[in-house]
Amino acid sequence: MNKTLRRIVTGIAAVMVLGGTLTAQAQAWTWTSMGGTVTVSGKTISLRDSGNDGHFVTTEYRHNGGASTSGLANKLGYGKTTSATMSTNITNAKVCKSGGGVLPVDCGRWYY
């Protein structure tokens, strides 16, 4: 392969790699635990109360490459959903259920 053709092929390969990086799709997933259902699509997280047990649900989630942790509470009631949008993709989350009154929340495991 001559030098000119090699440069063209190398340039096309570099553009394909960079283009793939720039157009990568955000990961979307749903996780149900502890009476709540978390749905993540890139930077947006939604929390639905799916327990019908009189307890509200919360979620802790990680974003910013896992370096930051935030939380979202859903006190709207059974079957209702609340959501939040972050500036970076959400990487994982866990669902927690209120203990009622002054009792602490009980959390499930992290979903990765």
N, C-alpha and C. Protein backbone atom coordinates (compact mmCIF):
# COMPACT_ATOMS: atom_id res chain seq x y z
N MET A 1 0.85 -1.16 0.00
CA MET A 1 0.00 0.00 0.00
C MET A 1 0.91 1.24 0.00
N ASN A 2 0.64 2.19 -0.91
CA ASN A 2 1.49 3.37 -0.96
C ASN A 2 1.15 4.33 0.18
N LYS A 3 2.03 5.33 0.40
CA LYS A 3 1.87 6.25 1.52
C LYS A 3 0.56 7.02 1.46
N THR A 4 0.17 7.49 0.30
CA THR A 4 -1.06 8.28 0.17
C THR A 4 -2.28 7.44 0.54
N LEU A 5 -2.36 6.24 0.02
CA LEU A 5 -3.49 5.36 0.32
C LEU A 5 -3.50 5.00 1.81
N ARG A 6 -2.34 4.74 2.40
CA ARG A 6 -2.25 4.41 3.81
C ARG A 6 -2.76 5.58 4.66
N ARG A 7 -2.42 6.81 4.31
CA ARG A 7 -2.88 7.99 5.05
C ARG A 7 -4.40 8.13 4.95
N ILE A 8 -4.94 7.87 3.77
CA ILE A 8 -6.39 7.97 3.58
C ILE A 8 -7.10 6.93 4.43
N VAL A 9 -6.64 5.70 4.41
CA VAL A 9 -7.24 4.62 5.19
C VAL A 9 -7.13 4.93 6.68
N THR A 10 -5.97 5.40 7.13
CA THR A 10 -5.78 5.76 8.53
C THR A 10 -6.71 6.90 8.93
N GLY A 11 -6.85 7.89 8.08
CA GLY A 11 -7.75 9.01 8.35
C GLY A 11 -9.20 8.58 8.45
N ILE A 12 -9.63 7.70 7.55
CA ILE A 12 -11.00 7.20 7.59
C ILE A 12 -11.23 6.40 8.87
N ALA A 13 -10.28 5.58 9.27
CA ALA A 13 -10.41 4.79 10.50
C ALA A 13 -10.51 5.71 11.71
N ALA A 14 -9.71 6.77 11.75
CA ALA A 14 -9.75 7.71 12.87
C ALA A 14 -11.10 8.41 12.95
N VAL A 15 -11.64 8.83 11.81
CA VAL A 15 -12.95 9.48 11.79
C VAL A 15 -14.03 8.52 12.27
N MET A 16 -13.95 7.24 11.86
CA MET A 16 -14.93 6.26 12.29
C MET A 16 -14.88 6.06 13.80
N VAL A 17 -13.68 5.99 14.37
CA VAL A 17 -13.53 5.82 15.82
C VAL A 17 -14.07 7.03 16.54
N LEU A 18 -13.67 8.23 16.14
CA LEU A 18 -14.15 9.45 16.79
C LEU A 18 -15.65 9.62 16.60
N GLY A 19 -16.13 9.35 15.43
CA GLY A 19 -17.56 9.47 15.17
C GLY A 19 -18.36 8.52 16.03
N GLY A 20 -17.86 7.31 16.21
CA GLY A 20 -18.53 6.34 17.07
C GLY A 20 -18.56 6.81 18.51
N THR A 21 -17.49 7.44 18.95
CA THR A 21 -17.43 7.95 20.31
C THR A 21 -18.42 9.09 20.50
N LEU A 22 -18.51 9.97 19.53
CA LEU A 22 -19.37 11.13 19.67
C LEU A 22 -20.85 10.78 19.56
N THR A 23 -21.19 9.70 18.88
CA THR A 23 -22.59 9.35 18.69
C THR A 23 -23.03 8.16 19.54
N ALA A 24 -22.22 7.78 20.53
CA ALA A 24 -22.58 6.64 21.38
C ALA A 24 -23.91 6.92 22.08
N GLN A 25 -24.76 5.91 22.09
CA GLN A 25 -26.07 6.05 22.71
C GLN A 25 -25.96 5.86 24.22
N ALA A 26 -26.77 6.61 24.96
CA ALA A 26 -26.82 6.46 26.40
C ALA A 26 -27.50 5.14 26.73
N GLN A 27 -27.03 4.51 27.77
CA GLN A 27 -27.60 3.24 28.17
C GLN A 27 -28.94 3.47 28.86
N ALA A 28 -29.92 2.63 28.55
CA ALA A 28 -31.24 2.70 29.18
C ALA A 28 -31.52 1.37 29.88
N TRP A 29 -32.08 1.44 31.10
CA TRP A 29 -32.39 0.24 31.85
C TRP A 29 -33.46 0.52 32.89
N THR A 30 -34.08 -0.56 33.37
CA THR A 30 -35.11 -0.47 34.41
C THR A 30 -34.78 -1.47 35.50
N TRP A 31 -34.99 -1.07 36.75
CA TRP A 31 -34.67 -1.91 37.90
C TRP A 31 -35.80 -1.79 38.92
N THR A 32 -36.36 -2.94 39.35
CA THR A 32 -37.43 -2.95 40.34
C THR A 32 -36.93 -3.62 41.62
N SER A 33 -37.15 -2.95 42.74
CA SER A 33 -36.70 -3.45 44.04
C SER A 33 -37.39 -2.66 45.13
N MET A 34 -37.66 -3.27 46.27
CA MET A 34 -38.13 -2.58 47.47
C MET A 34 -39.42 -1.78 47.26
N GLY A 35 -40.25 -2.18 46.33
CA GLY A 35 -41.51 -1.47 46.10
C GLY A 35 -41.39 -0.26 45.19
N GLY A 36 -40.27 -0.14 44.49
CA GLY A 36 -40.09 0.97 43.56
C GLY A 36 -39.47 0.49 42.26
N THR A 37 -39.73 1.22 41.19
CA THR A 37 -39.16 0.90 39.89
C THR A 37 -38.40 2.11 39.38
N VAL A 38 -37.11 1.93 39.14
CA VAL A 38 -36.25 2.98 38.62
C VAL A 38 -36.05 2.73 37.12
N THR A 39 -36.23 3.76 36.32
CA THR A 39 -35.92 3.70 34.90
C THR A 39 -34.90 4.78 34.60
N VAL A 40 -33.79 4.39 33.98
CA VAL A 40 -32.73 5.32 33.63
C VAL A 40 -32.56 5.33 32.13
N SER A 41 -32.48 6.52 31.57
CA SER A 41 -32.17 6.68 30.16
C SER A 41 -31.18 7.82 30.04
N GLY A 42 -29.90 7.46 30.02
CA GLY A 42 -28.85 8.47 29.92
C GLY A 42 -28.80 9.36 31.15
N LYS A 43 -29.19 10.62 31.00
CA LYS A 43 -29.11 11.61 32.07
C LYS A 43 -30.40 11.71 32.89
N THR A 44 -31.45 10.97 32.49
CA THR A 44 -32.75 11.08 33.15
C THR A 44 -33.05 9.83 33.96
N ILE A 45 -33.54 10.03 35.18
CA ILE A 45 -33.94 8.93 36.04
C ILE A 45 -35.39 9.15 36.47
N SER A 46 -36.18 8.09 36.45
CA SER A 46 -37.57 8.14 36.89
C SER A 46 -37.76 7.11 37.98
N LEU A 47 -38.60 7.44 38.97
CA LEU A 47 -38.87 6.54 40.08
C LEU A 47 -40.37 6.40 40.24
N ARG A 48 -40.86 5.17 40.08
CA ARG A 48 -42.29 4.86 40.20
C ARG A 48 -42.52 4.08 41.48
N ASP A 49 -43.54 4.46 42.24
CA ASP A 49 -43.94 3.70 43.43
C ASP A 49 -44.77 2.52 42.95
N SER A 50 -44.21 1.32 43.03
CA SER A 50 -44.90 0.13 42.54
C SER A 50 -45.23 -0.84 43.68
N GLY A 51 -45.14 -0.36 44.94
CA GLY A 51 -45.31 -1.25 46.07
C GLY A 51 -46.71 -1.39 46.61
N ASN A 52 -47.56 -0.38 46.50
CA ASN A 52 -48.92 -0.39 47.06
C ASN A 52 -48.92 -0.89 48.50
N ASP A 53 -47.97 -0.36 49.31
CA ASP A 53 -47.81 -0.81 50.68
C ASP A 53 -47.86 0.32 51.71
N GLY A 54 -48.19 1.54 51.27
CA GLY A 54 -48.27 2.67 52.18
C GLY A 54 -46.94 3.34 52.49
N HIS A 55 -45.85 2.84 51.93
CA HIS A 55 -44.53 3.43 52.15
C HIS A 55 -44.11 4.18 50.89
N PHE A 56 -43.42 5.30 51.09
CA PHE A 56 -42.89 5.99 49.92
C PHE A 56 -41.53 5.40 49.56
N VAL A 57 -41.09 5.65 48.34
CA VAL A 57 -39.81 5.12 47.86
C VAL A 57 -38.86 6.25 47.50
N THR A 58 -37.59 5.95 47.59
CA THR A 58 -36.53 6.87 47.19
C THR A 58 -35.52 6.09 46.37
N THR A 59 -34.66 6.81 45.69
CA THR A 59 -33.55 6.17 45.01
C THR A 59 -32.29 6.99 45.23
N GLU A 60 -31.19 6.29 45.42
CA GLU A 60 -29.88 6.91 45.38
C GLU A 60 -29.29 6.51 44.04
N TYR A 61 -28.61 7.43 43.38
CA TYR A 61 -28.03 7.10 42.08
C TYR A 61 -26.70 7.81 41.90
N ARG A 62 -25.88 7.20 41.06
CA ARG A 62 -24.54 7.74 40.78
C ARG A 62 -24.49 8.27 39.36
N HIS A 63 -23.78 9.36 39.20
CA HIS A 63 -23.59 9.99 37.89
C HIS A 63 -22.21 10.62 37.87
N ASN A 64 -21.89 11.33 36.80
CA ASN A 64 -20.56 11.95 36.67
C ASN A 64 -19.48 10.88 36.72
N GLY A 65 -19.70 9.79 35.96
CA GLY A 65 -18.73 8.70 35.93
C GLY A 65 -18.66 7.93 37.23
N GLY A 66 -19.70 8.03 38.07
CA GLY A 66 -19.73 7.35 39.36
C GLY A 66 -19.14 8.17 40.49
N ALA A 67 -18.64 9.37 40.17
CA ALA A 67 -18.00 10.21 41.18
C ALA A 67 -18.99 10.98 42.05
N SER A 68 -20.23 11.14 41.59
CA SER A 68 -21.23 11.90 42.34
C SER A 68 -22.44 11.02 42.65
N THR A 69 -23.02 11.23 43.83
CA THR A 69 -24.22 10.51 44.24
C THR A 69 -25.31 11.51 44.54
N SER A 70 -26.52 11.23 44.07
CA SER A 70 -27.69 12.09 44.33
C SER A 70 -28.85 11.20 44.75
N GLY A 71 -29.94 11.83 45.14
CA GLY A 71 -31.12 11.07 45.54
C GLY A 71 -32.39 11.70 45.00
N LEU A 72 -33.42 10.89 44.94
CA LEU A 72 -34.73 11.32 44.46
C LEU A 72 -35.78 10.60 45.29
N ALA A 73 -36.73 11.34 45.84
CA ALA A 73 -37.81 10.75 46.63
C ALA A 73 -39.12 10.84 45.86
N ASN A 74 -39.93 9.82 46.00
CA ASN A 74 -41.27 9.81 45.41
C ASN A 74 -42.28 9.62 46.53
N LYS A 75 -42.91 10.71 46.93
CA LYS A 75 -43.94 10.68 47.97
C LYS A 75 -45.32 10.95 47.37
N LEU A 76 -45.44 10.73 46.06
CA LEU A 76 -46.69 11.01 45.35
C LEU A 76 -47.74 9.92 45.55
N GLY A 77 -47.31 8.72 45.94
CA GLY A 77 -48.24 7.63 46.17
C GLY A 77 -48.11 6.52 45.14
N TYR A 78 -48.80 5.43 45.45
CA TYR A 78 -48.74 4.23 44.63
C TYR A 78 -49.11 4.52 43.17
N GLY A 79 -48.30 3.99 42.27
CA GLY A 79 -48.54 4.11 40.84
C GLY A 79 -48.07 5.41 40.23
N LYS A 80 -47.60 6.35 41.04
CA LYS A 80 -47.16 7.65 40.54
C LYS A 80 -45.65 7.62 40.29
N THR A 81 -45.21 8.49 39.37
CA THR A 81 -43.80 8.56 38.97
C THR A 81 -43.28 9.97 39.09
N THR A 82 -42.05 10.10 39.53
CA THR A 82 -41.35 11.38 39.54
C THR A 82 -40.02 11.17 38.84
N SER A 83 -39.41 12.24 38.34
CA SER A 83 -38.15 12.08 37.61
C SER A 83 -37.25 13.29 37.80
N ALA A 84 -36.00 13.10 37.41
CA ALA A 84 -35.00 14.16 37.47
C ALA A 84 -34.04 13.97 36.30
N THR A 85 -33.45 15.06 35.85
CA THR A 85 -32.45 15.00 34.78
C THR A 85 -31.17 15.64 35.29
N MET A 86 -30.07 14.93 35.12
CA MET A 86 -28.76 15.39 35.56
C MET A 86 -27.99 15.94 34.36
N SER A 87 -26.83 16.51 34.62
CA SER A 87 -26.00 17.04 33.53
C SER A 87 -25.09 15.96 32.94
N THR A 88 -24.97 14.82 33.62
CA THR A 88 -24.16 13.71 33.13
C THR A 88 -24.97 12.42 33.19
N ASN A 89 -24.53 11.40 32.46
CA ASN A 89 -25.24 10.13 32.45
C ASN A 89 -25.26 9.48 33.83
N ILE A 90 -26.36 8.81 34.12
CA ILE A 90 -26.53 8.09 35.38
C ILE A 90 -26.00 6.68 35.16
N THR A 91 -25.13 6.24 36.08
CA THR A 91 -24.46 4.96 35.89
C THR A 91 -25.09 3.81 36.68
N ASN A 92 -25.61 4.06 37.86
CA ASN A 92 -26.24 3.01 38.64
C ASN A 92 -27.15 3.61 39.71
N ALA A 93 -27.99 2.75 40.30
CA ALA A 93 -28.96 3.23 41.27
C ALA A 93 -29.38 2.11 42.20
N LYS A 94 -29.95 2.49 43.34
CA LYS A 94 -30.59 1.53 44.24
C LYS A 94 -31.88 2.14 44.72
N VAL A 95 -32.86 1.28 45.03
CA VAL A 95 -34.18 1.72 45.48
C VAL A 95 -34.27 1.51 46.98
N CYS A 96 -34.87 2.49 47.67
CA CYS A 96 -35.07 2.42 49.11
C CYS A 96 -36.55 2.63 49.41
N LYS A 97 -36.99 2.04 50.53
CA LYS A 97 -38.39 2.17 50.96
C LYS A 97 -38.40 2.79 52.34
N SER A 98 -39.34 3.72 52.57
CA SER A 98 -39.43 4.36 53.87
C SER A 98 -39.81 3.33 54.93
N GLY A 99 -39.31 3.58 56.14
CA GLY A 99 -39.63 2.67 57.24
C GLY A 99 -40.90 3.07 57.95
N GLY A 100 -41.45 4.21 57.61
CA GLY A 100 -42.67 4.70 58.27
C GLY A 100 -42.29 5.44 59.55
N GLY A 101 -42.83 6.60 59.73
CA GLY A 101 -42.54 7.38 60.94
C GLY A 101 -41.08 7.75 61.03
N VAL A 102 -40.48 7.45 62.19
CA VAL A 102 -39.09 7.81 62.43
C VAL A 102 -38.11 6.69 62.08
N LEU A 103 -38.62 5.56 61.60
CA LEU A 103 -37.75 4.46 61.24
C LEU A 103 -36.94 4.82 60.00
N PRO A 104 -35.70 4.32 59.89
CA PRO A 104 -34.88 4.63 58.71
C PRO A 104 -35.40 3.91 57.47
N VAL A 105 -34.89 4.34 56.33
CA VAL A 105 -35.25 3.68 55.08
C VAL A 105 -34.50 2.36 54.97
N ASP A 106 -35.07 1.45 54.22
CA ASP A 106 -34.46 0.15 53.95
C ASP A 106 -34.15 0.12 52.46
N CYS A 107 -32.90 -0.15 52.12
CA CYS A 107 -32.48 -0.09 50.71
C CYS A 107 -32.13 -1.45 50.16
N GLY A 108 -32.42 -1.62 48.87
CA GLY A 108 -32.00 -2.81 48.15
C GLY A 108 -30.57 -2.64 47.67
N ARG A 109 -30.13 -3.58 46.85
CA ARG A 109 -28.74 -3.52 46.36
C ARG A 109 -28.62 -2.56 45.17
N TRP A 110 -27.40 -2.16 44.90
CA TRP A 110 -27.12 -1.29 43.75
C TRP A 110 -27.32 -2.07 42.47
N TYR A 111 -27.90 -1.43 41.48
CA TYR A 111 -27.99 -1.99 40.13
C TYR A 111 -26.93 -1.32 39.28
N TYR A 112 -26.08 -2.11 38.65
CA TYR A 112 -24.96 -1.58 37.86
C TYR A 112 -25.24 -1.81 36.40
